[in-house]
Amino acid sequence: MENTIIVDKETYKEVVKFINKENKCSISLLQRVFRLQYNVSSNIVKQLESDKLIAFEIDGKIRVL
């Protein structure tokens, strides 16, 4: 992760494991699975994109890299 602290490192690691296993990611999915608030899930998605673990497609879908 870069300088942004979004959640504790363990939660972030669990999210990374989850998206790689499931090969999908969305704010609502992270909210449901990890019981996170919207703003926290949104920040995680932004951090995942910053860390180049996911990418946004032209149609708005998220692709796990």
PDB file of N, CA and C in Angstrom:
ATOM      1  N   MET A   1       0.841  -1.183   0.000  1.00  0.00           N
ATOM      2  CA  MET A   1       0.000   0.000   0.000  1.00  0.00           C
ATOM      3  C   MET A   1       0.884   1.243   0.000  1.00  0.00           C
ATOM      4  N   GLU A   2       0.362   2.295  -0.540  1.00  0.00           N
ATOM      5  CA  GLU A   2       1.100   3.538  -0.522  1.00  0.00           C
ATOM      6  C   GLU A   2       0.894   4.212   0.826  1.00  0.00           C
ATOM      7  N   ASN A   3       0.868   5.512   0.864  1.00  0.00           N
ATOM      8  CA  ASN A   3       0.790   6.246   2.125  1.00  0.00           C
ATOM      9  C   ASN A   3      -0.598   6.273   2.748  1.00  0.00           C
ATOM     10  N   THR A   4      -1.622   5.946   1.993  1.00  0.00           N
ATOM     11  CA  THR A   4      -2.987   6.042   2.487  1.00  0.00           C
ATOM     12  C   THR A   4      -3.314   4.879   3.416  1.00  0.00           C
ATOM     13  N   ILE A   5      -3.763   5.198   4.625  1.00  0.00           N
ATOM     14  CA  ILE A   5      -4.216   4.174   5.559  1.00  0.00           C
ATOM     15  C   ILE A   5      -5.739   4.148   5.484  1.00  0.00           C
ATOM     16  N   ILE A   6      -6.291   3.042   5.073  1.00  0.00           N
ATOM     17  CA  ILE A   6      -7.731   2.955   4.885  1.00  0.00           C
ATOM     18  C   ILE A   6      -8.378   2.060   5.924  1.00  0.00           C
ATOM     19  N   VAL A   7      -7.770   0.943   6.184  1.00  0.00           N
ATOM     20  CA  VAL A   7      -8.202   0.000   7.214  1.00  0.00           C
ATOM     21  C   VAL A   7      -6.932  -0.645   7.748  1.00  0.00           C
ATOM     22  N   ASP A   8      -7.077  -1.457   8.767  1.00  0.00           N
ATOM     23  CA  ASP A   8      -5.879  -2.108   9.272  1.00  0.00           C
ATOM     24  C   ASP A   8      -5.304  -3.043   8.203  1.00  0.00           C
ATOM     25  N   LYS A   9      -4.024  -3.305   8.302  1.00  0.00           N
ATOM     26  CA  LYS A   9      -3.327  -4.081   7.275  1.00  0.00           C
ATOM     27  C   LYS A   9      -3.894  -5.485   7.125  1.00  0.00           C
ATOM     28  N   GLU A  10      -4.322  -6.082   8.214  1.00  0.00           N
ATOM     29  CA  GLU A  10      -4.876  -7.441   8.149  1.00  0.00           C
ATOM     30  C   GLU A  10      -6.158  -7.483   7.323  1.00  0.00           C
ATOM     31  N   THR A  11      -7.030  -6.508   7.524  1.00  0.00           N
ATOM     32  CA  THR A  11      -8.269  -6.460   6.745  1.00  0.00           C
ATOM     33  C   THR A  11      -7.951  -6.267   5.269  1.00  0.00           C
ATOM     34  N   TYR A  12      -7.018  -5.382   4.967  1.00  0.00           N
ATOM     35  CA  TYR A  12      -6.626  -5.143   3.578  1.00  0.00           C
ATOM     36  C   TYR A  12      -6.077  -6.427   2.953  1.00  0.00           C
ATOM     37  N   LYS A  13      -5.245  -7.148   3.693  1.00  0.00           N
ATOM     38  CA  LYS A  13      -4.691  -8.411   3.187  1.00  0.00           C
ATOM     39  C   LYS A  13      -5.795  -9.425   2.925  1.00  0.00           C
ATOM     40  N   GLU A  14      -6.782  -9.479   3.812  1.00  0.00           N
ATOM     41  CA  GLU A  14      -7.908 -10.398   3.631  1.00  0.00           C
ATOM     42  C   GLU A  14      -8.720 -10.029   2.392  1.00  0.00           C
ATOM     43  N   VAL A  15      -8.906  -8.736   2.165  1.00  0.00           N
ATOM     44  CA  VAL A  15      -9.623  -8.283   0.970  1.00  0.00           C
ATOM     45  C   VAL A  15      -8.852  -8.699  -0.283  1.00  0.00           C
ATOM     46  N   VAL A  16      -7.542  -8.506  -0.280  1.00  0.00           N
ATOM     47  CA  VAL A  16      -6.718  -8.883  -1.435  1.00  0.00           C
ATOM     48  C   VAL A  16      -6.831 -10.384  -1.700  1.00  0.00           C
ATOM     49  N   LYS A  17      -6.747 -11.190  -0.668  1.00  0.00           N
ATOM     50  CA  LYS A  17      -6.895 -12.645  -0.829  1.00  0.00           C
ATOM     51  C   LYS A  17      -8.270 -12.976  -1.412  1.00  0.00           C
ATOM     52  N   PHE A  18      -9.294 -12.327  -0.876  1.00  0.00           N
ATOM     53  CA  PHE A  18     -10.667 -12.585  -1.310  1.00  0.00           C
ATOM     54  C   PHE A  18     -10.865 -12.250  -2.785  1.00  0.00           C
ATOM     55  N   ILE A  19     -10.438 -11.063  -3.211  1.00  0.00           N
ATOM     56  CA  ILE A  19     -10.671 -10.675  -4.607  1.00  0.00           C
ATOM     57  C   ILE A  19      -9.877 -11.551  -5.569  1.00  0.00           C
ATOM     58  N   ASN A  20      -8.701 -11.993  -5.158  1.00  0.00           N
ATOM     59  CA  ASN A  20      -7.925 -12.886  -6.018  1.00  0.00           C
ATOM     60  C   ASN A  20      -8.576 -14.264  -6.115  1.00  0.00           C
ATOM     61  N   LYS A  21      -9.137 -14.741  -5.024  1.00  0.00           N
ATOM     62  CA  LYS A  21      -9.805 -16.043  -5.019  1.00  0.00           C
ATOM     63  C   LYS A  21     -11.095 -15.999  -5.832  1.00  0.00           C
ATOM     64  N   GLU A  22     -11.901 -14.967  -5.601  1.00  0.00           N
ATOM     65  CA  GLU A  22     -13.208 -14.858  -6.260  1.00  0.00           C
ATOM     66  C   GLU A  22     -13.121 -14.249  -7.656  1.00  0.00           C
ATOM     67  N   ASN A  23     -12.018 -13.575  -7.945  1.00  0.00           N
ATOM     68  CA  ASN A  23     -11.799 -12.895  -9.216  1.00  0.00           C
ATOM     69  C   ASN A  23     -12.897 -11.876  -9.524  1.00  0.00           C
ATOM     70  N   LYS A  24     -13.368 -11.208  -8.487  1.00  0.00           N
ATOM     71  CA  LYS A  24     -14.340 -10.129  -8.648  1.00  0.00           C
ATOM     72  C   LYS A  24     -14.215  -9.179  -7.465  1.00  0.00           C
ATOM     73  N   CYS A  25     -14.665  -7.956  -7.702  1.00  0.00           N
ATOM     74  CA  CYS A  25     -14.564  -6.940  -6.660  1.00  0.00           C
ATOM     75  C   CYS A  25     -15.586  -5.850  -6.940  1.00  0.00           C
ATOM     76  N   SER A  26     -16.234  -5.398  -5.886  1.00  0.00           N
ATOM     77  CA  SER A  26     -17.108  -4.234  -5.976  1.00  0.00           C
ATOM     78  C   SER A  26     -17.248  -3.663  -4.571  1.00  0.00           C
ATOM     79  N   ILE A  27     -17.648  -2.426  -4.507  1.00  0.00           N
ATOM     80  CA  ILE A  27     -17.840  -1.785  -3.207  1.00  0.00           C
ATOM     81  C   ILE A  27     -18.898  -2.539  -2.415  1.00  0.00           C
ATOM     82  N   SER A  28     -20.014  -2.860  -3.055  1.00  0.00           N
ATOM     83  CA  SER A  28     -21.091  -3.545  -2.334  1.00  0.00           C
ATOM     84  C   SER A  28     -20.686  -4.950  -1.899  1.00  0.00           C
ATOM     85  N   LEU A  29     -19.897  -5.634  -2.706  1.00  0.00           N
ATOM     86  CA  LEU A  29     -19.427  -6.966  -2.329  1.00  0.00           C
ATOM     87  C   LEU A  29     -18.554  -6.894  -1.080  1.00  0.00           C
ATOM     88  N   LEU A  30     -17.648  -5.931  -1.037  1.00  0.00           N
ATOM     89  CA  LEU A  30     -16.792  -5.769   0.145  1.00  0.00           C
ATOM     90  C   LEU A  30     -17.620  -5.396   1.370  1.00  0.00           C
ATOM     91  N   GLN A  31     -18.645  -4.576   1.167  1.00  0.00           N
ATOM     92  CA  GLN A  31     -19.532  -4.221   2.282  1.00  0.00           C
ATOM     93  C   GLN A  31     -20.197  -5.461   2.868  1.00  0.00           C
ATOM     94  N   ARG A  32     -20.714  -6.307   2.006  1.00  0.00           N
ATOM     95  CA  ARG A  32     -21.434  -7.499   2.475  1.00  0.00           C
ATOM     96  C   ARG A  32     -20.503  -8.516   3.119  1.00  0.00           C
ATOM     97  N   VAL A  33     -19.416  -8.832   2.447  1.00  0.00           N
ATOM     98  CA  VAL A  33     -18.531  -9.899   2.917  1.00  0.00           C
ATOM     99  C   VAL A  33     -17.777  -9.497   4.180  1.00  0.00           C
ATOM    100  N   PHE A  34     -17.283  -8.254   4.213  1.00  0.00           N
ATOM    101  CA  PHE A  34     -16.439  -7.822   5.331  1.00  0.00           C
ATOM    102  C   PHE A  34     -17.173  -6.923   6.326  1.00  0.00           C
ATOM    103  N   ARG A  35     -18.473  -6.712   6.069  1.00  0.00           N
ATOM    104  CA  ARG A  35     -19.307  -5.880   6.955  1.00  0.00           C
ATOM    105  C   ARG A  35     -18.686  -4.495   7.187  1.00  0.00           C
ATOM    106  N   LEU A  36     -18.391  -3.839   6.072  1.00  0.00           N
ATOM    107  CA  LEU A  36     -17.768  -2.520   6.108  1.00  0.00           C
ATOM    108  C   LEU A  36     -18.781  -1.457   5.704  1.00  0.00           C
ATOM    109  N   GLN A  37     -18.526  -0.241   6.132  1.00  0.00           N
ATOM    110  CA  GLN A  37     -19.354   0.881   5.706  1.00  0.00           C
ATOM    111  C   GLN A  37     -18.985   1.250   4.273  1.00  0.00           C
ATOM    112  N   TYR A  38     -19.902   1.951   3.612  1.00  0.00           N
ATOM    113  CA  TYR A  38     -19.691   2.312   2.210  1.00  0.00           C
ATOM    114  C   TYR A  38     -18.385   3.070   2.008  1.00  0.00           C
ATOM    115  N   ASN A  39     -18.139   4.090   2.829  1.00  0.00           N
ATOM    116  CA  ASN A  39     -16.950   4.915   2.618  1.00  0.00           C
ATOM    117  C   ASN A  39     -15.665   4.111   2.801  1.00  0.00           C
ATOM    118  N   VAL A  40     -15.660   3.160   3.709  1.00  0.00           N
ATOM    119  CA  VAL A  40     -14.481   2.320   3.921  1.00  0.00           C
ATOM    120  C   VAL A  40     -14.276   1.411   2.708  1.00  0.00           C
ATOM    121  N   SER A  41     -15.349   0.791   2.239  1.00  0.00           N
ATOM    122  CA  SER A  41     -15.260  -0.079   1.063  1.00  0.00           C
ATOM    123  C   SER A  41     -14.813   0.705  -0.164  1.00  0.00           C
ATOM    124  N   SER A  42     -15.331   1.900  -0.316  1.00  0.00           N
ATOM    125  CA  SER A  42     -14.949   2.752  -1.435  1.00  0.00           C
ATOM    126  C   SER A  42     -13.462   3.096  -1.376  1.00  0.00           C
ATOM    127  N   ASN A  43     -12.980   3.421  -0.206  1.00  0.00           N
ATOM    128  CA  ASN A  43     -11.555   3.730  -0.049  1.00  0.00           C
ATOM    129  C   ASN A  43     -10.681   2.514  -0.332  1.00  0.00           C
ATOM    130  N   ILE A  44     -11.142   1.340   0.057  1.00  0.00           N
ATOM    131  CA  ILE A  44     -10.385   0.116  -0.230  1.00  0.00           C
ATOM    132  C   ILE A  44     -10.294  -0.093  -1.738  1.00  0.00           C
ATOM    133  N   VAL A  45     -11.403   0.084  -2.437  1.00  0.00           N
ATOM    134  CA  VAL A  45     -11.401  -0.074  -3.891  1.00  0.00           C
ATOM    135  C   VAL A  45     -10.443   0.931  -4.530  1.00  0.00           C
ATOM    136  N   LYS A  46     -10.452   2.161  -4.065  1.00  0.00           N
ATOM    137  CA  LYS A  46      -9.519   3.170  -4.583  1.00  0.00           C
ATOM    138  C   LYS A  46      -8.076   2.756  -4.326  1.00  0.00           C
ATOM    139  N   GLN A  47      -7.811   2.214  -3.138  1.00  0.00           N
ATOM    140  CA  GLN A  47      -6.456   1.777  -2.800  1.00  0.00           C
ATOM    141  C   GLN A  47      -6.047   0.568  -3.643  1.00  0.00           C
ATOM    142  N   LEU A  48      -6.968  -0.357  -3.862  1.00  0.00           N
ATOM    143  CA  LEU A  48      -6.679  -1.514  -4.710  1.00  0.00           C
ATOM    144  C   LEU A  48      -6.321  -1.064  -6.123  1.00  0.00           C
ATOM    145  N   GLU A  49      -7.025  -0.061  -6.628  1.00  0.00           N
ATOM    146  CA  GLU A  49      -6.710   0.470  -7.954  1.00  0.00           C
ATOM    147  C   GLU A  49      -5.344   1.149  -7.940  1.00  0.00           C
ATOM    148  N   SER A  50      -5.075   1.912  -6.906  1.00  0.00           N
ATOM    149  CA  SER A  50      -3.785   2.587  -6.771  1.00  0.00           C
ATOM    150  C   SER A  50      -2.633   1.584  -6.700  1.00  0.00           C
ATOM    151  N   ASP A  51      -2.888   0.456  -6.043  1.00  0.00           N
ATOM    152  CA  ASP A  51      -1.877  -0.600  -5.918  1.00  0.00           C
ATOM    153  C   ASP A  51      -1.834  -1.501  -7.150  1.00  0.00           C
ATOM    154  N   LYS A  52      -2.643  -1.161  -8.161  1.00  0.00           N
ATOM    155  CA  LYS A  52      -2.715  -1.892  -9.426  1.00  0.00           C
ATOM    156  C   LYS A  52      -3.113  -3.358  -9.256  1.00  0.00           C
ATOM    157  N   LEU A  53      -4.028  -3.595  -8.314  1.00  0.00           N
ATOM    158  CA  LEU A  53      -4.571  -4.934  -8.105  1.00  0.00           C
ATOM    159  C   LEU A  53      -5.900  -5.112  -8.826  1.00  0.00           C
ATOM    160  N   ILE A  54      -6.546  -3.984  -9.154  1.00  0.00           N
ATOM    161  CA  ILE A  54      -7.782  -3.990  -9.928  1.00  0.00           C
ATOM    162  C   ILE A  54      -7.707  -2.865 -10.956  1.00  0.00           C
ATOM    163  N   ALA A  55      -8.567  -2.943 -11.951  1.00  0.00           N
ATOM    164  CA  ALA A  55      -8.663  -1.879 -12.955  1.00  0.00           C
ATOM    165  C   ALA A  55     -10.127  -1.708 -13.339  1.00  0.00           C
ATOM    166  N   PHE A  56     -10.499  -0.490 -13.652  1.00  0.00           N
ATOM    167  CA  PHE A  56     -11.858  -0.207 -14.096  1.00  0.00           C
ATOM    168  C   PHE A  56     -11.928  -0.359 -15.608  1.00  0.00           C
ATOM    169  N   GLU A  57     -12.912  -1.106 -16.078  1.00  0.00           N
ATOM    170  CA  GLU A  57     -13.136  -1.312 -17.505  1.00  0.00           C
ATOM    171  C   GLU A  57     -13.899  -0.116 -18.072  1.00  0.00           C
ATOM    172  N   ILE A  58     -13.982  -0.043 -19.380  1.00  0.00           N
ATOM    173  CA  ILE A  58     -14.697   1.048 -20.043  1.00  0.00           C
ATOM    174  C   ILE A  58     -16.170   1.055 -19.647  1.00  0.00           C
ATOM    175  N   ASP A  59     -16.754  -0.133 -19.464  1.00  0.00           N
ATOM    176  CA  ASP A  59     -18.177  -0.224 -19.117  1.00  0.00           C
ATOM    177  C   ASP A  59     -18.443  -0.020 -17.630  1.00  0.00           C
ATOM    178  N   GLY A  60     -17.400   0.317 -16.856  1.00  0.00           N
ATOM    179  CA  GLY A  60     -17.567   0.606 -15.439  1.00  0.00           C
ATOM    180  C   GLY A  60     -17.356  -0.577 -14.522  1.00  0.00           C
ATOM    181  N   LYS A  61     -17.197  -1.760 -15.091  1.00  0.00           N
ATOM    182  CA  LYS A  61     -16.955  -2.942 -14.273  1.00  0.00           C
ATOM    183  C   LYS A  61     -15.514  -2.941 -13.773  1.00  0.00           C
ATOM    184  N   ILE A  62     -15.299  -3.670 -12.688  1.00  0.00           N
ATOM    185  CA  ILE A  62     -13.964  -3.762 -12.103  1.00  0.00           C
ATOM    186  C   ILE A  62     -13.349  -5.096 -12.504  1.00  0.00           C
ATOM    187  N   ARG A  63     -12.106  -5.042 -12.982  1.00  0.00           N
ATOM    188  CA  ARG A  63     -11.381  -6.253 -13.360  1.00  0.00           C
ATOM    189  C   ARG A  63     -10.263  -6.481 -12.354  1.00  0.00           C
ATOM    190  N   VAL A  64     -10.170  -7.699 -11.831  1.00  0.00           N
ATOM    191  CA  VAL A  64      -9.093  -8.060 -10.912  1.00  0.00           C
ATOM    192  C   VAL A  64      -7.885  -8.427 -11.756  1.00  0.00           C
ATOM    193  N   LEU A  65      -6.753  -7.815 -11.441  1.00  0.00           N
ATOM    194  CA  LEU A  65      -5.534  -8.074 -12.221  1.00  0.00           C
ATOM    195  C   LEU A  65      -4.717  -9.195 -11.633  1.00  0.00           C
TER     196      LEU A  65
END
